Amino acid sequence: VNTELVVPIEEPVNAGDPDDLWQRIRLGYRLDLSNLPDTVVRQRKWYIDNPSYLKAVFSRAEPFIYYITDQLEQAGLPLELALLPIVESTYDPLAYSHSHAVGLWQFIPSTAKSFGLRRDRWYDGRRDVIYSTQAAVKYLKYLHKRFDNDWLLALAAYNSGEGNVSRSMARNRKLGKPEDFWSIKLPRETRNYVPQLLALAELIAKPE
């Protein structure tokens, strides 16, 4: 790995410095990073093999990630979620997807409306980092409660919709199969989505 290109996630000189954002995020971890499956390991290898990608997204995140971390911390949410806009939009507040999702948090129009983001001819709250982050915090809290405090299922629902996740869980339940994220059938994008976040979280946890 070209260490020059991964400066943003190097271990700081003073890991106890309260102003060190990465250490602050690590201390706020709540997701289980033990016994990660091969899908996460493969994704982690891709990130390690592409340090220029990491450099680019962390540079793009710099104007926003402090505010997002603050909002997550105030809401009592896992601070790994500060990495979620990397997976969603590569931290681009103007990002636009084929499914008409917009902004750092990639809200589709219906979800944006449900969580109070105003859209009109002159303004789209999905591109407003302040208001879209506040809406994302509310949405993530709702999904976490909706899926019985299971963050992996909540994240899957954030990506593919709570209806898709609920239906897949119901199918497994009917067949007597496990209903956790790793066992239910989900779209390929969602199957990759959660491992991408977990791989990023592990890299921040172990920058060496």
N, C-alpha and C. Protein backbone atom coordinates (compact mmCIF):
# COMPACT_ATOMS: atom_id res chain seq x y z
N VAL A 1 0.84 -1.18 0.00
CA VAL A 1 0.00 0.00 0.00
C VAL A 1 0.88 1.23 0.00
N ASN A 2 0.57 2.19 -0.83
CA ASN A 2 1.29 3.46 -0.85
C ASN A 2 0.82 4.29 0.34
N THR A 3 1.64 4.32 1.40
CA THR A 3 1.21 5.00 2.63
C THR A 3 0.99 6.48 2.43
N GLU A 4 1.63 7.06 1.42
CA GLU A 4 1.45 8.47 1.16
C GLU A 4 0.00 8.79 0.81
N LEU A 5 -0.69 7.81 0.21
CA LEU A 5 -2.05 8.04 -0.25
C LEU A 5 -3.09 7.75 0.82
N VAL A 6 -2.71 7.18 1.95
CA VAL A 6 -3.70 6.86 2.97
C VAL A 6 -3.50 7.67 4.24
N VAL A 7 -2.92 8.84 4.09
CA VAL A 7 -2.70 9.73 5.23
C VAL A 7 -3.95 9.97 6.06
N PRO A 8 -5.15 10.15 5.43
CA PRO A 8 -6.35 10.46 6.23
C PRO A 8 -6.69 9.41 7.29
N ILE A 9 -6.24 8.15 7.14
CA ILE A 9 -6.60 7.16 8.15
C ILE A 9 -5.38 6.60 8.87
N GLU A 10 -4.24 7.30 8.79
CA GLU A 10 -3.10 6.87 9.58
C GLU A 10 -3.39 7.08 11.07
N GLU A 11 -2.75 6.28 11.90
CA GLU A 11 -2.90 6.44 13.34
C GLU A 11 -2.34 7.80 13.74
N PRO A 12 -3.10 8.61 14.47
CA PRO A 12 -2.60 9.92 14.87
C PRO A 12 -1.47 9.81 15.89
N VAL A 13 -0.67 10.86 15.99
CA VAL A 13 0.42 10.88 16.95
C VAL A 13 -0.13 10.76 18.36
N ASN A 14 -1.24 11.49 18.63
CA ASN A 14 -1.86 11.43 19.95
C ASN A 14 -3.25 10.86 19.80
N ALA A 15 -3.37 9.54 19.99
CA ALA A 15 -4.66 8.87 19.76
C ALA A 15 -5.70 9.27 20.80
N GLY A 16 -5.28 9.89 21.90
CA GLY A 16 -6.23 10.32 22.91
C GLY A 16 -6.72 11.74 22.71
N ASP A 17 -6.26 12.39 21.67
CA ASP A 17 -6.63 13.78 21.40
C ASP A 17 -8.11 13.87 21.10
N PRO A 18 -8.90 14.63 21.90
CA PRO A 18 -10.34 14.71 21.66
C PRO A 18 -10.69 15.38 20.35
N ASP A 19 -9.72 16.10 19.76
CA ASP A 19 -9.97 16.76 18.48
C ASP A 19 -9.69 15.83 17.30
N ASP A 20 -9.20 14.62 17.57
CA ASP A 20 -8.94 13.67 16.48
C ASP A 20 -10.25 12.98 16.10
N LEU A 21 -10.76 13.31 14.93
CA LEU A 21 -12.08 12.81 14.52
C LEU A 21 -12.11 11.29 14.40
N TRP A 22 -11.07 10.69 13.81
CA TRP A 22 -11.09 9.25 13.60
C TRP A 22 -11.13 8.50 14.92
N GLN A 23 -10.38 9.00 15.92
CA GLN A 23 -10.43 8.35 17.23
C GLN A 23 -11.82 8.53 17.86
N ARG A 24 -12.38 9.68 17.69
CA ARG A 24 -13.73 9.93 18.21
C ARG A 24 -14.74 8.98 17.57
N ILE A 25 -14.62 8.76 16.28
CA ILE A 25 -15.52 7.84 15.58
C ILE A 25 -15.31 6.41 16.08
N ARG A 26 -14.04 6.01 16.23
CA ARG A 26 -13.75 4.65 16.73
C ARG A 26 -14.39 4.42 18.10
N LEU A 27 -14.29 5.42 18.96
CA LEU A 27 -14.83 5.28 20.31
C LEU A 27 -16.35 5.19 20.31
N GLY A 28 -16.97 5.61 19.21
CA GLY A 28 -18.43 5.55 19.12
C GLY A 28 -18.95 4.37 18.33
N TYR A 29 -18.07 3.40 18.04
CA TYR A 29 -18.48 2.22 17.29
C TYR A 29 -19.49 1.39 18.08
N ARG A 30 -20.49 0.85 17.35
CA ARG A 30 -21.47 -0.03 18.00
C ARG A 30 -21.75 -1.28 17.16
N LEU A 31 -21.27 -1.33 15.93
CA LEU A 31 -21.52 -2.50 15.09
C LEU A 31 -20.48 -3.58 15.41
N ASP A 32 -20.87 -4.83 15.20
CA ASP A 32 -19.99 -5.97 15.50
C ASP A 32 -19.04 -6.21 14.33
N LEU A 33 -17.76 -6.00 14.56
CA LEU A 33 -16.77 -6.19 13.51
C LEU A 33 -15.98 -7.49 13.69
N SER A 34 -16.46 -8.38 14.53
CA SER A 34 -15.78 -9.66 14.74
C SER A 34 -16.33 -10.71 13.78
N ASN A 35 -15.49 -11.66 13.44
CA ASN A 35 -15.89 -12.79 12.58
C ASN A 35 -16.60 -12.32 11.30
N LEU A 36 -15.96 -11.38 10.62
CA LEU A 36 -16.57 -10.84 9.41
C LEU A 36 -16.54 -11.86 8.27
N PRO A 37 -17.62 -11.97 7.51
CA PRO A 37 -17.66 -12.95 6.42
C PRO A 37 -16.78 -12.53 5.24
N ASP A 38 -16.63 -13.45 4.30
CA ASP A 38 -15.74 -13.22 3.16
C ASP A 38 -16.14 -12.00 2.34
N THR A 39 -17.44 -11.69 2.28
CA THR A 39 -17.86 -10.53 1.48
C THR A 39 -17.25 -9.24 2.03
N VAL A 40 -17.12 -9.14 3.35
CA VAL A 40 -16.51 -7.96 3.96
C VAL A 40 -15.00 -7.98 3.74
N VAL A 41 -14.39 -9.14 3.87
CA VAL A 41 -12.95 -9.27 3.68
C VAL A 41 -12.56 -8.87 2.25
N ARG A 42 -13.35 -9.31 1.28
CA ARG A 42 -13.07 -8.96 -0.12
C ARG A 42 -13.21 -7.46 -0.35
N GLN A 43 -14.23 -6.87 0.26
CA GLN A 43 -14.43 -5.44 0.10
C GLN A 43 -13.29 -4.66 0.76
N ARG A 44 -12.86 -5.12 1.93
CA ARG A 44 -11.74 -4.48 2.61
C ARG A 44 -10.49 -4.53 1.74
N LYS A 45 -10.24 -5.68 1.09
CA LYS A 45 -9.08 -5.81 0.21
C LYS A 45 -9.17 -4.83 -0.95
N TRP A 46 -10.39 -4.64 -1.48
CA TRP A 46 -10.54 -3.69 -2.59
C TRP A 46 -10.15 -2.28 -2.13
N TYR A 47 -10.59 -1.89 -0.95
CA TYR A 47 -10.24 -0.56 -0.45
C TYR A 47 -8.72 -0.44 -0.26
N ILE A 48 -8.10 -1.48 0.31
CA ILE A 48 -6.66 -1.45 0.54
C ILE A 48 -5.90 -1.37 -0.79
N ASP A 49 -6.43 -2.06 -1.80
CA ASP A 49 -5.78 -2.06 -3.11
C ASP A 49 -6.04 -0.79 -3.91
N ASN A 50 -6.94 0.06 -3.42
CA ASN A 50 -7.29 1.30 -4.13
C ASN A 50 -7.17 2.51 -3.20
N PRO A 51 -5.95 2.80 -2.73
CA PRO A 51 -5.78 3.90 -1.78
C PRO A 51 -6.15 5.26 -2.36
N SER A 52 -6.04 5.41 -3.65
CA SER A 52 -6.40 6.70 -4.25
C SER A 52 -7.89 6.97 -4.11
N TYR A 53 -8.69 5.91 -4.12
CA TYR A 53 -10.13 6.07 -3.90
C TYR A 53 -10.38 6.57 -2.48
N LEU A 54 -9.70 5.94 -1.50
CA LEU A 54 -9.88 6.36 -0.11
C LEU A 54 -9.44 7.81 0.08
N LYS A 55 -8.33 8.16 -0.52
CA LYS A 55 -7.85 9.53 -0.40
C LYS A 55 -8.88 10.51 -0.95
N ALA A 56 -9.46 10.17 -2.09
CA ALA A 56 -10.43 11.07 -2.73
C ALA A 56 -11.69 11.23 -1.89
N VAL A 57 -12.24 10.11 -1.39
CA VAL A 57 -13.51 10.22 -0.66
C VAL A 57 -13.32 10.88 0.71
N PHE A 58 -12.19 10.61 1.37
CA PHE A 58 -11.97 11.25 2.66
C PHE A 58 -11.71 12.74 2.49
N SER A 59 -11.07 13.11 1.41
CA SER A 59 -10.88 14.53 1.12
C SER A 59 -12.22 15.21 0.86
N ARG A 60 -13.09 14.54 0.12
CA ARG A 60 -14.41 15.09 -0.18
C ARG A 60 -15.27 15.16 1.08
N ALA A 61 -15.05 14.23 2.02
CA ALA A 61 -15.84 14.20 3.25
C ALA A 61 -15.47 15.31 4.22
N GLU A 62 -14.27 15.83 4.08
CA GLU A 62 -13.72 16.73 5.11
C GLU A 62 -14.63 17.90 5.48
N PRO A 63 -15.31 18.57 4.53
CA PRO A 63 -16.15 19.70 4.94
C PRO A 63 -17.41 19.29 5.71
N PHE A 64 -17.78 18.01 5.65
CA PHE A 64 -19.09 17.58 6.15
C PHE A 64 -19.04 16.61 7.32
N ILE A 65 -17.98 15.80 7.42
CA ILE A 65 -18.01 14.65 8.31
C ILE A 65 -18.01 15.06 9.79
N TYR A 66 -17.47 16.21 10.12
CA TYR A 66 -17.49 16.67 11.52
C TYR A 66 -18.94 16.94 11.95
N TYR A 67 -19.67 17.65 11.10
CA TYR A 67 -21.07 17.95 11.43
C TYR A 67 -21.88 16.66 11.53
N ILE A 68 -21.68 15.75 10.59
CA ILE A 68 -22.42 14.49 10.58
C ILE A 68 -22.11 13.67 11.84
N THR A 69 -20.84 13.62 12.22
CA THR A 69 -20.47 12.90 13.44
C THR A 69 -21.14 13.51 14.66
N ASP A 70 -21.17 14.83 14.73
CA ASP A 70 -21.85 15.52 15.83
C ASP A 70 -23.32 15.11 15.92
N GLN A 71 -23.99 15.12 14.77
CA GLN A 71 -25.42 14.80 14.74
C GLN A 71 -25.68 13.36 15.15
N LEU A 72 -24.86 12.45 14.68
CA LEU A 72 -25.00 11.04 15.05
C LEU A 72 -24.76 10.84 16.55
N GLU A 73 -23.74 11.52 17.06
CA GLU A 73 -23.40 11.39 18.48
C GLU A 73 -24.53 11.93 19.35
N GLN A 74 -25.07 13.09 18.98
CA GLN A 74 -26.16 13.68 19.75
C GLN A 74 -27.40 12.78 19.75
N ALA A 75 -27.60 12.04 18.65
CA ALA A 75 -28.75 11.15 18.54
C ALA A 75 -28.51 9.78 19.17
N GLY A 76 -27.28 9.52 19.63
CA GLY A 76 -26.97 8.23 20.23
C GLY A 76 -26.84 7.10 19.22
N LEU A 77 -26.49 7.44 17.98
CA LEU A 77 -26.36 6.43 16.94
C LEU A 77 -24.90 6.01 16.79
N PRO A 78 -24.65 4.82 16.21
CA PRO A 78 -23.28 4.36 16.00
C PRO A 78 -22.51 5.36 15.13
N LEU A 79 -21.30 5.67 15.52
CA LEU A 79 -20.54 6.66 14.76
C LEU A 79 -19.94 6.07 13.48
N GLU A 80 -20.00 4.76 13.32
CA GLU A 80 -19.64 4.17 12.01
C GLU A 80 -20.51 4.75 10.90
N LEU A 81 -21.72 5.20 11.28
CA LEU A 81 -22.65 5.72 10.27
C LEU A 81 -22.14 7.00 9.63
N ALA A 82 -21.13 7.63 10.22
CA ALA A 82 -20.50 8.79 9.57
C ALA A 82 -19.81 8.37 8.28
N LEU A 83 -19.55 7.08 8.12
CA LEU A 83 -18.94 6.55 6.90
C LEU A 83 -19.97 6.18 5.85
N LEU A 84 -21.24 6.17 6.22
CA LEU A 84 -22.28 5.72 5.29
C LEU A 84 -22.37 6.57 4.03
N PRO A 85 -22.20 7.90 4.10
CA PRO A 85 -22.24 8.67 2.84
C PRO A 85 -21.13 8.31 1.85
N ILE A 86 -20.06 7.66 2.33
CA ILE A 86 -19.05 7.17 1.38
C ILE A 86 -19.68 6.10 0.49
N VAL A 87 -20.42 5.20 1.12
CA VAL A 87 -21.07 4.11 0.37
C VAL A 87 -22.23 4.67 -0.47
N GLU A 88 -22.97 5.61 0.10
CA GLU A 88 -24.14 6.15 -0.58
C GLU A 88 -23.79 7.03 -1.77
N SER A 89 -22.86 7.96 -1.57
CA SER A 89 -22.68 9.02 -2.56
C SER A 89 -21.23 9.43 -2.77
N THR A 90 -20.28 8.68 -2.23
CA THR A 90 -18.87 9.08 -2.16
C THR A 90 -18.74 10.50 -1.61
N TYR A 91 -19.60 10.82 -0.64
CA TYR A 91 -19.62 12.12 0.04
C TYR A 91 -19.77 13.28 -0.93
N ASP A 92 -20.59 13.07 -1.94
CA ASP A 92 -20.87 14.14 -2.91
C ASP A 92 -22.28 14.67 -2.66
N PRO A 93 -22.44 15.90 -2.16
CA PRO A 93 -23.79 16.42 -1.86
C PRO A 93 -24.65 16.64 -3.10
N LEU A 94 -24.04 16.60 -4.29
CA LEU A 94 -24.79 16.77 -5.53
C LEU A 94 -25.02 15.45 -6.25
N ALA A 95 -24.68 14.34 -5.62
CA ALA A 95 -24.82 13.03 -6.26
C ALA A 95 -26.27 12.76 -6.65
N TYR A 96 -26.44 12.10 -7.81
CA TYR A 96 -27.77 11.78 -8.33
C TYR A 96 -27.71 10.38 -8.91
N SER A 97 -28.66 9.53 -8.52
CA SER A 97 -28.64 8.14 -8.98
C SER A 97 -29.73 7.88 -10.01
N HIS A 98 -29.64 6.72 -10.64
CA HIS A 98 -30.63 6.32 -11.65
C HIS A 98 -32.01 6.13 -11.04
N SER A 99 -32.06 5.92 -9.72
CA SER A 99 -33.36 5.75 -9.03
C SER A 99 -33.89 7.09 -8.49
N HIS A 100 -33.29 8.19 -8.95
CA HIS A 100 -33.70 9.55 -8.57
C HIS A 100 -33.39 9.87 -7.11
N ALA A 101 -32.42 9.15 -6.54
CA ALA A 101 -31.94 9.49 -5.21
C ALA A 101 -30.90 10.61 -5.32
N VAL A 102 -30.92 11.52 -4.34
CA VAL A 102 -30.11 12.73 -4.45
C VAL A 102 -29.39 13.02 -3.14
N GLY A 103 -28.19 13.58 -3.25
CA GLY A 103 -27.48 14.12 -2.11
C GLY A 103 -26.57 13.15 -1.39
N LEU A 104 -25.93 13.64 -0.32
CA LEU A 104 -25.02 12.81 0.48
C LEU A 104 -25.67 11.53 0.93
N TRP A 105 -26.95 11.65 1.34
CA TRP A 105 -27.65 10.51 1.95
C TRP A 105 -28.56 9.80 0.96
N GLN A 106 -28.58 10.24 -0.30
CA GLN A 106 -29.30 9.57 -1.38
C GLN A 106 -30.77 9.30 -1.05
N PHE A 107 -31.49 10.36 -0.71
CA PHE A 107 -32.92 10.24 -0.48
C PHE A 107 -33.67 10.21 -1.80
N ILE A 108 -34.62 9.26 -1.93
CA ILE A 108 -35.55 9.30 -3.05
C ILE A 108 -36.67 10.27 -2.68
N PRO A 109 -37.43 10.77 -3.67
CA PRO A 109 -38.43 11.80 -3.37
C PRO A 109 -39.42 11.42 -2.27
N SER A 110 -39.94 10.20 -2.30
CA SER A 110 -40.97 9.82 -1.32
C SER A 110 -40.42 9.80 0.10
N THR A 111 -39.22 9.25 0.29
CA THR A 111 -38.64 9.20 1.63
C THR A 111 -38.27 10.60 2.10
N ALA A 112 -37.78 11.42 1.18
CA ALA A 112 -37.46 12.81 1.53
C ALA A 112 -38.69 13.52 2.06
N LYS A 113 -39.81 13.33 1.39
CA LYS A 113 -41.06 13.97 1.82
C LYS A 113 -41.49 13.44 3.19
N SER A 114 -41.37 12.14 3.39
CA SER A 114 -41.79 11.52 4.65
C SER A 114 -40.99 12.06 5.84
N PHE A 115 -39.74 12.43 5.59
CA PHE A 115 -38.89 12.89 6.68
C PHE A 115 -38.62 14.38 6.63
N GLY A 116 -39.54 15.11 5.99
CA GLY A 116 -39.59 16.55 6.13
C GLY A 116 -38.63 17.36 5.29
N LEU A 117 -38.09 16.77 4.23
CA LEU A 117 -37.19 17.53 3.37
C LEU A 117 -38.00 18.25 2.30
N ARG A 118 -37.90 19.57 2.31
CA ARG A 118 -38.66 20.39 1.36
C ARG A 118 -38.01 20.34 -0.02
N ARG A 119 -38.84 20.25 -1.04
CA ARG A 119 -38.38 20.30 -2.42
C ARG A 119 -39.32 21.19 -3.22
N ASP A 120 -38.76 22.11 -3.97
CA ASP A 120 -39.58 22.93 -4.86
C ASP A 120 -38.73 23.30 -6.07
N ARG A 121 -39.22 24.27 -6.82
CA ARG A 121 -38.54 24.63 -8.07
C ARG A 121 -37.14 25.18 -7.83
N TRP A 122 -36.92 25.81 -6.67
CA TRP A 122 -35.67 26.50 -6.41
C TRP A 122 -34.78 25.80 -5.39
N TYR A 123 -35.35 24.86 -4.66
CA TYR A 123 -34.60 24.28 -3.54
C TYR A 123 -34.91 22.80 -3.41
N ASP A 124 -33.88 22.02 -3.14
CA ASP A 124 -34.04 20.59 -2.88
C ASP A 124 -33.30 20.27 -1.59
N GLY A 125 -34.07 20.01 -0.52
CA GLY A 125 -33.47 19.74 0.78
C GLY A 125 -32.56 18.53 0.81
N ARG A 126 -32.67 17.66 -0.18
CA ARG A 126 -31.81 16.49 -0.23
C ARG A 126 -30.35 16.89 -0.50
N ARG A 127 -30.17 18.06 -1.13
CA ARG A 127 -28.81 18.55 -1.39
C ARG A 127 -28.30 19.46 -0.28
N ASP A 128 -29.15 19.73 0.69
CA ASP A 128 -28.77 20.56 1.83
C ASP A 128 -28.16 19.64 2.89
N VAL A 129 -26.86 19.78 3.12
CA VAL A 129 -26.17 18.85 4.01
C VAL A 129 -26.74 18.89 5.43
N ILE A 130 -27.10 20.08 5.90
CA ILE A 130 -27.63 20.20 7.27
C ILE A 130 -28.96 19.45 7.41
N TYR A 131 -29.92 19.81 6.56
CA TYR A 131 -31.26 19.24 6.71
C TYR A 131 -31.32 17.78 6.27
N SER A 132 -30.56 17.41 5.25
CA SER A 132 -30.58 16.00 4.83
C SER A 132 -29.95 15.11 5.89
N THR A 133 -28.92 15.61 6.58
CA THR A 133 -28.31 14.82 7.65
C THR A 133 -29.30 14.65 8.80
N GLN A 134 -30.00 15.71 9.16
CA GLN A 134 -31.01 15.60 10.22
C GLN A 134 -32.10 14.60 9.84
N ALA A 135 -32.51 14.62 8.56
CA ALA A 135 -33.52 13.67 8.09
C ALA A 135 -32.97 12.25 8.10
N ALA A 136 -31.70 12.08 7.71
CA ALA A 136 -31.09 10.74 7.69
C ALA A 136 -31.00 10.17 9.10
N VAL A 137 -30.68 11.01 10.06
CA VAL A 137 -30.62 10.56 11.46
C VAL A 137 -31.99 10.06 11.91
N LYS A 138 -33.03 10.81 11.59
CA LYS A 138 -34.40 10.39 11.94
C LYS A 138 -34.76 9.07 11.25
N TYR A 139 -34.42 8.97 9.99
CA TYR A 139 -34.76 7.76 9.22
C TYR A 139 -34.01 6.55 9.77
N LEU A 140 -32.73 6.70 10.07
CA LEU A 140 -31.95 5.59 10.60
C LEU A 140 -32.46 5.16 11.97
N LYS A 141 -32.84 6.12 12.80
CA LYS A 141 -33.41 5.78 14.11
C LYS A 141 -34.72 5.02 13.94
N TYR A 142 -35.54 5.46 13.00
CA TYR A 142 -36.81 4.79 12.74
C TYR A 142 -36.57 3.34 12.28
N LEU A 143 -35.64 3.15 11.34
CA LEU A 143 -35.38 1.81 10.81
C LEU A 143 -34.79 0.89 11.89
N HIS A 144 -33.93 1.45 12.73
CA HIS A 144 -33.34 0.66 13.81
C HIS A 144 -34.43 0.12 14.73
N LYS A 145 -35.38 0.98 15.07
CA LYS A 145 -36.49 0.54 15.92
C LYS A 145 -37.39 -0.42 15.16
N ARG A 146 -37.64 -0.13 13.90
CA ARG A 146 -38.54 -0.96 13.06
C ARG A 146 -38.02 -2.39 12.95
N PHE A 147 -36.70 -2.56 12.92
CA PHE A 147 -36.13 -3.90 12.77
C PHE A 147 -35.50 -4.39 14.08
N ASP A 148 -36.20 -4.11 15.17
CA ASP A 148 -35.87 -4.66 16.49
C ASP A 148 -34.41 -4.45 16.87
N ASN A 149 -33.91 -3.24 16.62
CA ASN A 149 -32.56 -2.83 17.03
C ASN A 149 -31.44 -3.60 16.33
N ASP A 150 -31.74 -4.13 15.15
CA ASP A 150 -30.71 -4.83 14.36
C ASP A 150 -30.19 -3.85 13.31
N TRP A 151 -28.94 -3.38 13.52
CA TRP A 151 -28.41 -2.36 12.62
C TRP A 151 -28.18 -2.86 11.20
N LEU A 152 -27.80 -4.11 11.02
CA LEU A 152 -27.55 -4.60 9.67
C LEU A 152 -28.84 -4.65 8.86
N LEU A 153 -29.93 -5.07 9.49
CA LEU A 153 -31.22 -5.07 8.80
C LEU A 153 -31.68 -3.64 8.55
N ALA A 154 -31.45 -2.75 9.50
CA ALA A 154 -31.83 -1.34 9.32
C ALA A 154 -31.07 -0.73 8.15
N LEU A 155 -29.79 -1.03 8.04
CA LEU A 155 -28.99 -0.51 6.93
C LEU A 155 -29.44 -1.10 5.59
N ALA A 156 -29.77 -2.38 5.60
CA ALA A 156 -30.28 -3.00 4.38
C ALA A 156 -31.57 -2.32 3.95
N ALA A 157 -32.42 -2.00 4.91
CA ALA A 157 -33.68 -1.32 4.61
C ALA A 157 -33.43 0.11 4.11
N TYR A 158 -32.42 0.76 4.64
CA TYR A 158 -32.08 2.11 4.17
C TYR A 158 -31.73 2.07 2.69
N ASN A 159 -31.07 1.00 2.29
CA ASN A 159 -30.64 0.88 0.89
C ASN A 159 -31.74 0.39 -0.04
N SER A 160 -32.47 -0.64 0.38
CA SER A 160 -33.40 -1.27 -0.56
C SER A 160 -34.87 -1.10 -0.20
N GLY A 161 -35.14 -0.45 0.94
CA GLY A 161 -36.53 -0.24 1.35
C GLY A 161 -36.95 -1.23 2.41
N GLU A 162 -37.71 -0.74 3.38
CA GLU A 162 -38.10 -1.61 4.49
C GLU A 162 -39.05 -2.72 4.03
N GLY A 163 -39.82 -2.46 2.97
CA GLY A 163 -40.72 -3.49 2.47
C GLY A 163 -39.97 -4.68 1.93
N ASN A 164 -38.90 -4.45 1.17
CA ASN A 164 -38.10 -5.55 0.63
C ASN A 164 -37.51 -6.40 1.75
N VAL A 165 -36.97 -5.74 2.75
CA VAL A 165 -36.34 -6.48 3.85
C VAL A 165 -37.39 -7.25 4.64
N SER A 166 -38.51 -6.63 4.92
CA SER A 166 -39.57 -7.30 5.68
C SER A 166 -40.11 -8.52 4.94
N ARG A 167 -40.32 -8.38 3.64
CA ARG A 167 -40.83 -9.52 2.85
C ARG A 167 -39.82 -10.66 2.82
N SER A 168 -38.55 -10.34 2.70
CA SER A 168 -37.53 -11.38 2.67
C SER A 168 -37.44 -12.09 4.02
N MET A 169 -37.56 -11.33 5.09
CA MET A 169 -37.57 -11.93 6.42
C MET A 169 -38.78 -12.84 6.59
N ALA A 170 -39.92 -12.40 6.10
CA ALA A 170 -41.14 -13.20 6.22
C ALA A 170 -41.02 -14.53 5.46
N ARG A 171 -40.38 -14.47 4.27
CA ARG A 171 -40.17 -15.71 3.50
C ARG A 171 -39.31 -16.69 4.28
N ASN A 172 -38.24 -16.19 4.88
CA ASN A 172 -37.38 -17.08 5.67
C ASN A 172 -38.09 -17.62 6.89
N ARG A 173 -38.89 -16.76 7.51
CA ARG A 173 -39.64 -17.18 8.69
C ARG A 173 -40.57 -18.34 8.33
N LYS A 174 -41.23 -18.23 7.20
CA LYS A 174 -42.17 -19.26 6.75
C LYS A 174 -41.45 -20.58 6.49
N LEU A 175 -40.19 -20.47 6.03
CA LEU A 175 -39.41 -21.67 5.72
C LEU A 175 -38.59 -22.17 6.92
N GLY A 176 -38.74 -21.49 8.04
CA GLY A 176 -37.99 -21.89 9.23
C GLY A 176 -36.51 -21.56 9.15
N LYS A 177 -36.15 -20.58 8.35
CA LYS A 177 -34.75 -20.19 8.18
C LYS A 177 -34.45 -18.94 9.01
N PRO A 178 -33.16 -18.67 9.26
CA PRO A 178 -32.77 -17.46 10.01
C PRO A 178 -33.21 -16.19 9.27
N GLU A 179 -33.44 -15.13 10.03
CA GLU A 179 -33.94 -13.88 9.45
C GLU A 179 -32.93 -12.74 9.57
N ASP A 180 -31.66 -13.09 9.83
CA ASP A 180 -30.64 -12.04 9.94
C ASP A 180 -30.21 -11.58 8.55
N PHE A 181 -29.45 -10.49 8.51
CA PHE A 181 -29.03 -9.90 7.23
C PHE A 181 -28.32 -10.91 6.34
N TRP A 182 -27.43 -11.72 6.91
CA TRP A 182 -26.60 -12.62 6.11
C TRP A 182 -27.40 -13.79 5.56
N SER A 183 -28.62 -14.01 6.07
CA SER A 183 -29.41 -15.18 5.66
C SER A 183 -30.53 -14.87 4.69
N ILE A 184 -31.05 -13.64 4.70
CA ILE A 184 -32.20 -13.33 3.85
C ILE A 184 -31.75 -12.99 2.44
N LYS A 185 -32.68 -13.11 1.51
CA LYS A 185 -32.39 -12.82 0.11
C LYS A 185 -32.65 -11.34 -0.17
N LEU A 186 -31.63 -10.67 -0.70
CA LEU A 186 -31.72 -9.24 -0.97
C LEU A 186 -31.10 -8.94 -2.33
N PRO A 187 -31.42 -7.78 -2.91
CA PRO A 187 -30.79 -7.40 -4.17
C PRO A 187 -29.27 -7.35 -4.04
N ARG A 188 -28.58 -7.60 -5.15
CA ARG A 188 -27.12 -7.64 -5.13
C ARG A 188 -26.52 -6.35 -4.56
N GLU A 189 -27.09 -5.23 -4.95
CA GLU A 189 -26.57 -3.94 -4.47
C GLU A 189 -26.60 -3.89 -2.94
N THR A 190 -27.69 -4.38 -2.36
CA THR A 190 -27.82 -4.35 -0.90
C THR A 190 -26.91 -5.38 -0.25
N ARG A 191 -26.72 -6.53 -0.91
CA ARG A 191 -25.80 -7.54 -0.38
C ARG A 191 -24.39 -6.98 -0.29
N ASN A 192 -24.04 -6.07 -1.20
CA ASN A 192 -22.71 -5.46 -1.18
C ASN A 192 -22.64 -4.22 -0.30
N TYR A 193 -23.77 -3.58 -0.11
CA TYR A 193 -23.85 -2.29 0.57
C TYR A 193 -23.38 -2.37 2.03
N VAL A 194 -23.94 -3.31 2.77
CA VAL A 194 -23.58 -3.45 4.18
C VAL A 194 -22.11 -3.88 4.34
N PRO A 195 -21.61 -4.85 3.57
CA PRO A 195 -20.19 -5.19 3.66
C PRO A 195 -19.27 -4.00 3.35
N GLN A 196 -19.67 -3.12 2.44
CA GLN A 196 -18.85 -1.95 2.16
C GLN A 196 -18.69 -1.08 3.40
N LEU A 197 -19.79 -0.86 4.10
CA LEU A 197 -19.72 -0.04 5.32
C LEU A 197 -18.88 -0.74 6.39
N LEU A 198 -19.08 -2.03 6.58
CA LEU A 198 -18.34 -2.77 7.60
C LEU A 198 -16.84 -2.78 7.28
N ALA A 199 -16.50 -2.92 6.00
CA ALA A 199 -15.09 -2.91 5.60
C ALA A 199 -14.45 -1.54 5.88
N LEU A 200 -15.17 -0.47 5.59
CA LEU A 200 -14.67 0.87 5.90
C LEU A 200 -14.48 1.05 7.40
N ALA A 201 -15.46 0.59 8.17
CA ALA A 201 -15.38 0.72 9.62
C ALA A 201 -14.17 -0.04 10.17
N GLU A 202 -13.89 -1.21 9.61
CA GLU A 202 -12.74 -1.97 10.10
C GLU A 202 -11.42 -1.27 9.73
N LEU A 203 -11.37 -0.66 8.56
CA LEU A 203 -10.15 0.05 8.17
C LEU A 203 -9.89 1.25 9.09
N ILE A 204 -10.94 1.93 9.48
CA ILE A 204 -10.78 3.05 10.40
C ILE A 204 -10.40 2.52 11.79
N ALA A 205 -10.97 1.38 12.17
CA ALA A 205 -10.66 0.79 13.48
C ALA A 205 -9.20 0.32 13.54
N LYS A 206 -8.69 -0.18 12.41
CA LYS A 206 -7.33 -0.73 12.36
C LYS A 206 -6.56 -0.11 11.19
N PRO A 207 -6.20 1.15 11.28
CA PRO A 207 -5.56 1.82 10.13
C PRO A 207 -4.22 1.22 9.73
N GLU A 208 -3.62 0.50 10.64
CA GLU A 208 -2.35 -0.13 10.30
C GLU A 208 -2.54 -1.22 9.25
